[in-house]
Amino acid sequence: MAQRKMNTSFGLTVVFIMVIVGAIVQTYLPWYSMGIAFGIISFFIALPSRTAFLIGLVSGFVLWALAAVWMDSQFPSTLPFRMAQILPLGGSVVALYLVTGVFGGLTGALWSWAGSKLRGTH
């Protein structure tokens, strides 16, 4: 089976779609619903598994990191700073945002990969 070549604009469009759909879904459903939505999108778009993993990683990272920054700016609190002190981040709230983005990225990547594998695209 020939591997379909992905161009940058298509990849960015899929990232944008995943971020928008993930944000809408997470507004009304639990945190893991973003991953399920990413898997469904990867299944129906028929992304190759490696591309699906990378696009899911970027989409989940962007979604969760921006959501953490937005929530902290809309509802100022000392909680992010205190969490950054508890975790081995040296009190850096920016590092906490990055860690949050990494967890969101891994969640999105694994679900996107699973959706593409379910479709059978390699």
N, C-alpha and C. Protein backbone atom coordinates (compact mmCIF):
# COMPACT_ATOMS: atom_id res chain seq x y z
N MET A 1 0.85 -1.17 0.00
CA MET A 1 0.00 0.00 0.00
C MET A 1 0.89 1.23 0.00
N ALA A 2 0.66 2.16 -0.91
CA ALA A 2 1.49 3.36 -1.02
C ALA A 2 1.18 4.32 0.11
N GLN A 3 2.23 4.90 0.66
CA GLN A 3 2.09 5.86 1.76
C GLN A 3 1.68 7.21 1.17
N ARG A 4 0.61 7.79 1.69
CA ARG A 4 0.14 9.07 1.21
C ARG A 4 1.02 10.18 1.80
N LYS A 5 1.49 11.09 0.96
CA LYS A 5 2.36 12.18 1.40
C LYS A 5 1.49 13.30 1.95
N MET A 6 1.82 13.72 3.18
CA MET A 6 1.05 14.77 3.83
C MET A 6 1.75 16.11 3.60
N ASN A 7 1.00 17.14 3.20
CA ASN A 7 1.61 18.45 3.09
C ASN A 7 1.33 19.25 4.35
N THR A 8 2.08 20.32 4.53
CA THR A 8 2.03 21.09 5.76
C THR A 8 0.67 21.75 5.97
N SER A 9 0.09 22.30 4.93
CA SER A 9 -1.19 23.00 5.10
C SER A 9 -2.30 22.04 5.51
N PHE A 10 -2.28 20.82 4.97
CA PHE A 10 -3.28 19.84 5.37
C PHE A 10 -3.08 19.45 6.84
N GLY A 11 -1.83 19.25 7.24
CA GLY A 11 -1.53 18.91 8.64
C GLY A 11 -1.97 20.01 9.59
N LEU A 12 -1.70 21.27 9.25
CA LEU A 12 -2.11 22.38 10.10
C LEU A 12 -3.63 22.51 10.16
N THR A 13 -4.28 22.21 9.05
CA THR A 13 -5.75 22.24 9.03
C THR A 13 -6.32 21.17 9.96
N VAL A 14 -5.74 19.98 9.93
CA VAL A 14 -6.20 18.91 10.82
C VAL A 14 -5.93 19.27 12.28
N VAL A 15 -4.77 19.87 12.56
CA VAL A 15 -4.47 20.32 13.92
C VAL A 15 -5.51 21.33 14.37
N PHE A 16 -5.83 22.29 13.52
CA PHE A 16 -6.82 23.30 13.85
C PHE A 16 -8.19 22.67 14.12
N ILE A 17 -8.58 21.73 13.27
CA ILE A 17 -9.87 21.05 13.46
C ILE A 17 -9.88 20.29 14.77
N MET A 18 -8.79 19.57 15.06
CA MET A 18 -8.73 18.80 16.31
C MET A 18 -8.78 19.69 17.53
N VAL A 19 -8.09 20.83 17.49
CA VAL A 19 -8.10 21.75 18.64
C VAL A 19 -9.51 22.31 18.85
N ILE A 20 -10.18 22.71 17.78
CA ILE A 20 -11.53 23.26 17.91
C ILE A 20 -12.50 22.20 18.41
N VAL A 21 -12.49 21.02 17.80
CA VAL A 21 -13.39 19.94 18.21
C VAL A 21 -13.07 19.51 19.65
N GLY A 22 -11.79 19.38 19.98
CA GLY A 22 -11.40 19.00 21.34
C GLY A 22 -11.86 20.01 22.38
N ALA A 23 -11.76 21.30 22.06
CA ALA A 23 -12.20 22.34 23.00
C ALA A 23 -13.71 22.28 23.21
N ILE A 24 -14.44 22.07 22.13
CA ILE A 24 -15.90 21.99 22.25
C ILE A 24 -16.30 20.76 23.05
N VAL A 25 -15.70 19.63 22.74
CA VAL A 25 -16.05 18.37 23.40
C VAL A 25 -15.70 18.43 24.89
N GLN A 26 -14.53 19.00 25.22
CA GLN A 26 -14.12 19.04 26.62
C GLN A 26 -14.94 20.03 27.45
N THR A 27 -15.64 20.92 26.78
CA THR A 27 -16.50 21.85 27.51
C THR A 27 -17.66 21.11 28.17
N TYR A 28 -18.15 20.07 27.51
CA TYR A 28 -19.35 19.39 27.98
C TYR A 28 -19.12 17.97 28.50
N LEU A 29 -17.99 17.37 28.18
CA LEU A 29 -17.73 15.98 28.54
C LEU A 29 -16.44 15.89 29.37
N PRO A 30 -16.10 14.72 29.91
CA PRO A 30 -14.88 14.57 30.72
C PRO A 30 -13.60 14.83 29.92
N TRP A 31 -12.49 14.90 30.64
CA TRP A 31 -11.20 15.26 30.04
C TRP A 31 -10.76 14.31 28.94
N TYR A 32 -11.08 13.04 29.06
CA TYR A 32 -10.63 12.06 28.07
C TYR A 32 -11.45 12.10 26.79
N SER A 33 -12.52 12.85 26.76
CA SER A 33 -13.34 12.96 25.55
C SER A 33 -12.57 13.60 24.40
N MET A 34 -11.58 14.44 24.72
CA MET A 34 -10.74 15.02 23.69
C MET A 34 -10.03 13.91 22.92
N GLY A 35 -9.49 12.94 23.62
CA GLY A 35 -8.79 11.83 22.99
C GLY A 35 -9.71 11.01 22.11
N ILE A 36 -10.89 10.76 22.59
CA ILE A 36 -11.86 9.99 21.79
C ILE A 36 -12.20 10.75 20.51
N ALA A 37 -12.39 12.07 20.63
CA ALA A 37 -12.67 12.88 19.44
C ALA A 37 -11.49 12.85 18.46
N PHE A 38 -10.27 12.90 18.99
CA PHE A 38 -9.09 12.84 18.12
C PHE A 38 -9.03 11.49 17.40
N GLY A 39 -9.35 10.42 18.10
CA GLY A 39 -9.36 9.10 17.48
C GLY A 39 -10.39 8.99 16.38
N ILE A 40 -11.56 9.54 16.62
CA ILE A 40 -12.61 9.51 15.60
C ILE A 40 -12.21 10.33 14.37
N ILE A 41 -11.61 11.49 14.61
CA ILE A 41 -11.16 12.33 13.49
C ILE A 41 -10.09 11.60 12.69
N SER A 42 -9.12 11.00 13.39
CA SER A 42 -8.05 10.26 12.69
C SER A 42 -8.61 9.08 11.91
N PHE A 43 -9.62 8.44 12.46
CA PHE A 43 -10.25 7.31 11.77
C PHE A 43 -10.91 7.76 10.47
N PHE A 44 -11.71 8.82 10.54
CA PHE A 44 -12.46 9.24 9.36
C PHE A 44 -11.61 9.96 8.32
N ILE A 45 -10.56 10.65 8.74
CA ILE A 45 -9.67 11.30 7.78
C ILE A 45 -8.69 10.29 7.19
N ALA A 46 -8.54 9.15 7.82
CA ALA A 46 -7.64 8.08 7.39
C ALA A 46 -6.19 8.54 7.37
N LEU A 47 -5.79 9.13 8.50
CA LEU A 47 -4.40 9.57 8.63
C LEU A 47 -3.49 8.36 8.78
N PRO A 48 -2.30 8.40 8.18
CA PRO A 48 -1.31 7.36 8.45
C PRO A 48 -0.94 7.39 9.94
N SER A 49 -0.59 6.25 10.51
CA SER A 49 -0.42 6.17 11.96
C SER A 49 0.65 7.11 12.50
N ARG A 50 1.78 7.23 11.82
CA ARG A 50 2.84 8.13 12.29
C ARG A 50 2.38 9.58 12.24
N THR A 51 1.71 9.95 11.18
CA THR A 51 1.19 11.31 11.05
C THR A 51 0.10 11.58 12.07
N ALA A 52 -0.76 10.60 12.30
CA ALA A 52 -1.82 10.75 13.29
C ALA A 52 -1.23 10.96 14.68
N PHE A 53 -0.17 10.22 15.01
CA PHE A 53 0.47 10.38 16.31
C PHE A 53 1.02 11.80 16.45
N LEU A 54 1.74 12.28 15.45
CA LEU A 54 2.34 13.61 15.52
C LEU A 54 1.29 14.72 15.55
N ILE A 55 0.26 14.59 14.73
CA ILE A 55 -0.79 15.61 14.71
C ILE A 55 -1.56 15.60 16.03
N GLY A 56 -1.84 14.41 16.57
CA GLY A 56 -2.50 14.33 17.87
C GLY A 56 -1.65 14.92 18.98
N LEU A 57 -0.33 14.70 18.92
CA LEU A 57 0.58 15.25 19.92
C LEU A 57 0.56 16.77 19.90
N VAL A 58 0.67 17.34 18.72
CA VAL A 58 0.67 18.80 18.59
C VAL A 58 -0.69 19.37 19.00
N SER A 59 -1.77 18.74 18.56
CA SER A 59 -3.11 19.23 18.86
C SER A 59 -3.41 19.19 20.35
N GLY A 60 -3.10 18.06 20.99
CA GLY A 60 -3.34 17.94 22.42
C GLY A 60 -2.49 18.90 23.23
N PHE A 61 -1.22 19.07 22.82
CA PHE A 61 -0.33 20.00 23.52
C PHE A 61 -0.88 21.42 23.43
N VAL A 62 -1.22 21.84 22.23
CA VAL A 62 -1.73 23.20 22.04
C VAL A 62 -3.02 23.41 22.82
N LEU A 63 -3.92 22.45 22.73
CA LEU A 63 -5.22 22.58 23.40
C LEU A 63 -5.06 22.70 24.91
N TRP A 64 -4.33 21.78 25.52
CA TRP A 64 -4.23 21.78 26.98
C TRP A 64 -3.35 22.90 27.50
N ALA A 65 -2.27 23.23 26.82
CA ALA A 65 -1.41 24.32 27.27
C ALA A 65 -2.15 25.66 27.18
N LEU A 66 -2.83 25.90 26.05
CA LEU A 66 -3.59 27.14 25.92
C LEU A 66 -4.76 27.20 26.90
N ALA A 67 -5.39 26.05 27.15
CA ALA A 67 -6.49 26.03 28.12
C ALA A 67 -5.98 26.36 29.52
N ALA A 68 -4.80 25.86 29.87
CA ALA A 68 -4.23 26.15 31.20
C ALA A 68 -3.90 27.63 31.32
N VAL A 69 -3.30 28.21 30.30
CA VAL A 69 -2.96 29.63 30.32
C VAL A 69 -4.23 30.47 30.37
N TRP A 70 -5.21 30.10 29.56
CA TRP A 70 -6.46 30.87 29.52
C TRP A 70 -7.20 30.81 30.85
N MET A 71 -7.28 29.62 31.44
CA MET A 71 -7.98 29.51 32.74
C MET A 71 -7.28 30.32 33.81
N ASP A 72 -5.96 30.30 33.81
CA ASP A 72 -5.22 31.05 34.82
C ASP A 72 -5.38 32.55 34.61
N SER A 73 -5.48 33.00 33.37
CA SER A 73 -5.65 34.43 33.13
C SER A 73 -7.09 34.88 33.41
N GLN A 74 -8.07 34.02 33.20
CA GLN A 74 -9.47 34.38 33.44
C GLN A 74 -9.86 34.30 34.92
N PHE A 75 -9.27 33.35 35.62
CA PHE A 75 -9.59 33.14 37.03
C PHE A 75 -8.30 33.11 37.82
N PRO A 76 -7.71 34.30 38.10
CA PRO A 76 -6.42 34.33 38.78
C PRO A 76 -6.49 33.66 40.15
N SER A 77 -5.47 32.87 40.43
CA SER A 77 -5.42 32.12 41.67
C SER A 77 -3.96 31.83 41.99
N THR A 78 -3.71 31.45 43.22
CA THR A 78 -2.36 31.05 43.60
C THR A 78 -2.15 29.56 43.39
N LEU A 79 -3.17 28.84 42.96
CA LEU A 79 -3.06 27.39 42.80
C LEU A 79 -1.99 26.96 41.79
N PRO A 80 -1.90 27.58 40.61
CA PRO A 80 -0.83 27.14 39.70
C PRO A 80 0.57 27.32 40.31
N PHE A 81 0.79 28.43 40.99
CA PHE A 81 2.09 28.65 41.61
C PHE A 81 2.36 27.62 42.70
N ARG A 82 1.34 27.32 43.50
CA ARG A 82 1.52 26.32 44.56
C ARG A 82 1.75 24.93 43.98
N MET A 83 1.06 24.60 42.88
CA MET A 83 1.30 23.30 42.24
C MET A 83 2.70 23.22 41.66
N ALA A 84 3.18 24.34 41.10
CA ALA A 84 4.53 24.37 40.54
C ALA A 84 5.58 24.23 41.65
N GLN A 85 5.23 24.63 42.87
CA GLN A 85 6.15 24.46 44.00
C GLN A 85 6.14 23.02 44.50
N ILE A 86 4.98 22.39 44.48
CA ILE A 86 4.87 21.00 44.95
C ILE A 86 5.58 20.06 43.99
N LEU A 87 5.35 20.24 42.70
CA LEU A 87 6.02 19.42 41.69
C LEU A 87 7.47 19.90 41.55
N PRO A 88 8.36 19.07 41.06
CA PRO A 88 9.76 19.50 40.94
C PRO A 88 9.98 20.44 39.75
N LEU A 89 9.30 21.59 39.78
CA LEU A 89 9.39 22.56 38.69
C LEU A 89 10.05 23.86 39.13
N GLY A 90 10.48 23.91 40.36
CA GLY A 90 11.14 25.12 40.85
C GLY A 90 10.22 26.31 40.98
N GLY A 91 8.93 26.09 41.11
CA GLY A 91 7.98 27.18 41.26
C GLY A 91 7.63 27.88 39.95
N SER A 92 8.03 27.34 38.81
CA SER A 92 7.77 27.96 37.52
C SER A 92 6.38 27.58 37.00
N VAL A 93 5.52 28.57 36.90
CA VAL A 93 4.17 28.33 36.39
C VAL A 93 4.22 28.01 34.90
N VAL A 94 5.16 28.60 34.17
CA VAL A 94 5.30 28.32 32.74
C VAL A 94 5.66 26.85 32.54
N ALA A 95 6.54 26.32 33.40
CA ALA A 95 6.89 24.89 33.31
C ALA A 95 5.65 24.04 33.60
N LEU A 96 4.79 24.49 34.51
CA LEU A 96 3.55 23.76 34.79
C LEU A 96 2.65 23.74 33.56
N TYR A 97 2.58 24.86 32.84
CA TYR A 97 1.80 24.91 31.60
C TYR A 97 2.37 23.93 30.57
N LEU A 98 3.69 23.86 30.47
CA LEU A 98 4.33 22.94 29.53
C LEU A 98 4.08 21.49 29.90
N VAL A 99 4.14 21.17 31.20
CA VAL A 99 3.86 19.80 31.65
C VAL A 99 2.41 19.44 31.35
N THR A 100 1.51 20.39 31.58
CA THR A 100 0.10 20.17 31.26
C THR A 100 -0.07 19.91 29.77
N GLY A 101 0.62 20.69 28.94
CA GLY A 101 0.56 20.49 27.50
C GLY A 101 1.11 19.14 27.07
N VAL A 102 2.18 18.68 27.74
CA VAL A 102 2.77 17.38 27.40
C VAL A 102 1.78 16.26 27.71
N PHE A 103 1.11 16.33 28.85
CA PHE A 103 0.11 15.30 29.17
C PHE A 103 -1.05 15.33 28.18
N GLY A 104 -1.51 16.51 27.82
CA GLY A 104 -2.56 16.61 26.81
C GLY A 104 -2.10 16.11 25.46
N GLY A 105 -0.84 16.41 25.12
CA GLY A 105 -0.29 15.95 23.85
C GLY A 105 -0.17 14.44 23.78
N LEU A 106 0.28 13.83 24.87
CA LEU A 106 0.39 12.37 24.88
C LEU A 106 -0.98 11.71 24.81
N THR A 107 -1.95 12.29 25.49
CA THR A 107 -3.32 11.76 25.42
C THR A 107 -3.85 11.84 23.99
N GLY A 108 -3.70 13.00 23.37
CA GLY A 108 -4.17 13.17 22.00
C GLY A 108 -3.42 12.29 21.01
N ALA A 109 -2.10 12.14 21.22
CA ALA A 109 -1.29 11.34 20.30
C ALA A 109 -1.69 9.87 20.35
N LEU A 110 -1.85 9.34 21.53
CA LEU A 110 -2.21 7.92 21.66
C LEU A 110 -3.59 7.63 21.10
N TRP A 111 -4.55 8.50 21.35
CA TRP A 111 -5.89 8.28 20.83
C TRP A 111 -5.93 8.44 19.31
N SER A 112 -5.19 9.44 18.78
CA SER A 112 -5.14 9.61 17.33
C SER A 112 -4.50 8.41 16.66
N TRP A 113 -3.41 7.93 17.25
CA TRP A 113 -2.73 6.75 16.73
C TRP A 113 -3.67 5.54 16.73
N ALA A 114 -4.42 5.40 17.84
CA ALA A 114 -5.35 4.28 17.94
C ALA A 114 -6.45 4.38 16.88
N GLY A 115 -6.94 5.59 16.61
CA GLY A 115 -7.95 5.77 15.58
C GLY A 115 -7.44 5.43 14.20
N SER A 116 -6.19 5.79 13.93
CA SER A 116 -5.64 5.45 12.61
C SER A 116 -5.35 3.97 12.50
N LYS A 117 -4.92 3.33 13.58
CA LYS A 117 -4.66 1.88 13.55
C LYS A 117 -5.97 1.11 13.41
N LEU A 118 -7.04 1.62 14.02
CA LEU A 118 -8.34 0.98 13.89
C LEU A 118 -8.80 0.99 12.43
N ARG A 119 -8.47 2.06 11.75
CA ARG A 119 -8.81 2.18 10.33
C ARG A 119 -7.95 1.25 9.49
N GLY A 120 -6.73 0.96 9.98
CA GLY A 120 -5.85 0.08 9.25
C GLY A 120 -4.85 0.81 8.38
N THR A 121 -4.71 2.13 8.57
CA THR A 121 -3.72 2.88 7.80
C THR A 121 -2.40 2.81 8.54
N HIS A 122 -1.34 2.51 7.81
CA HIS A 122 -0.02 2.36 8.44
C HIS A 122 0.82 3.46 7.94
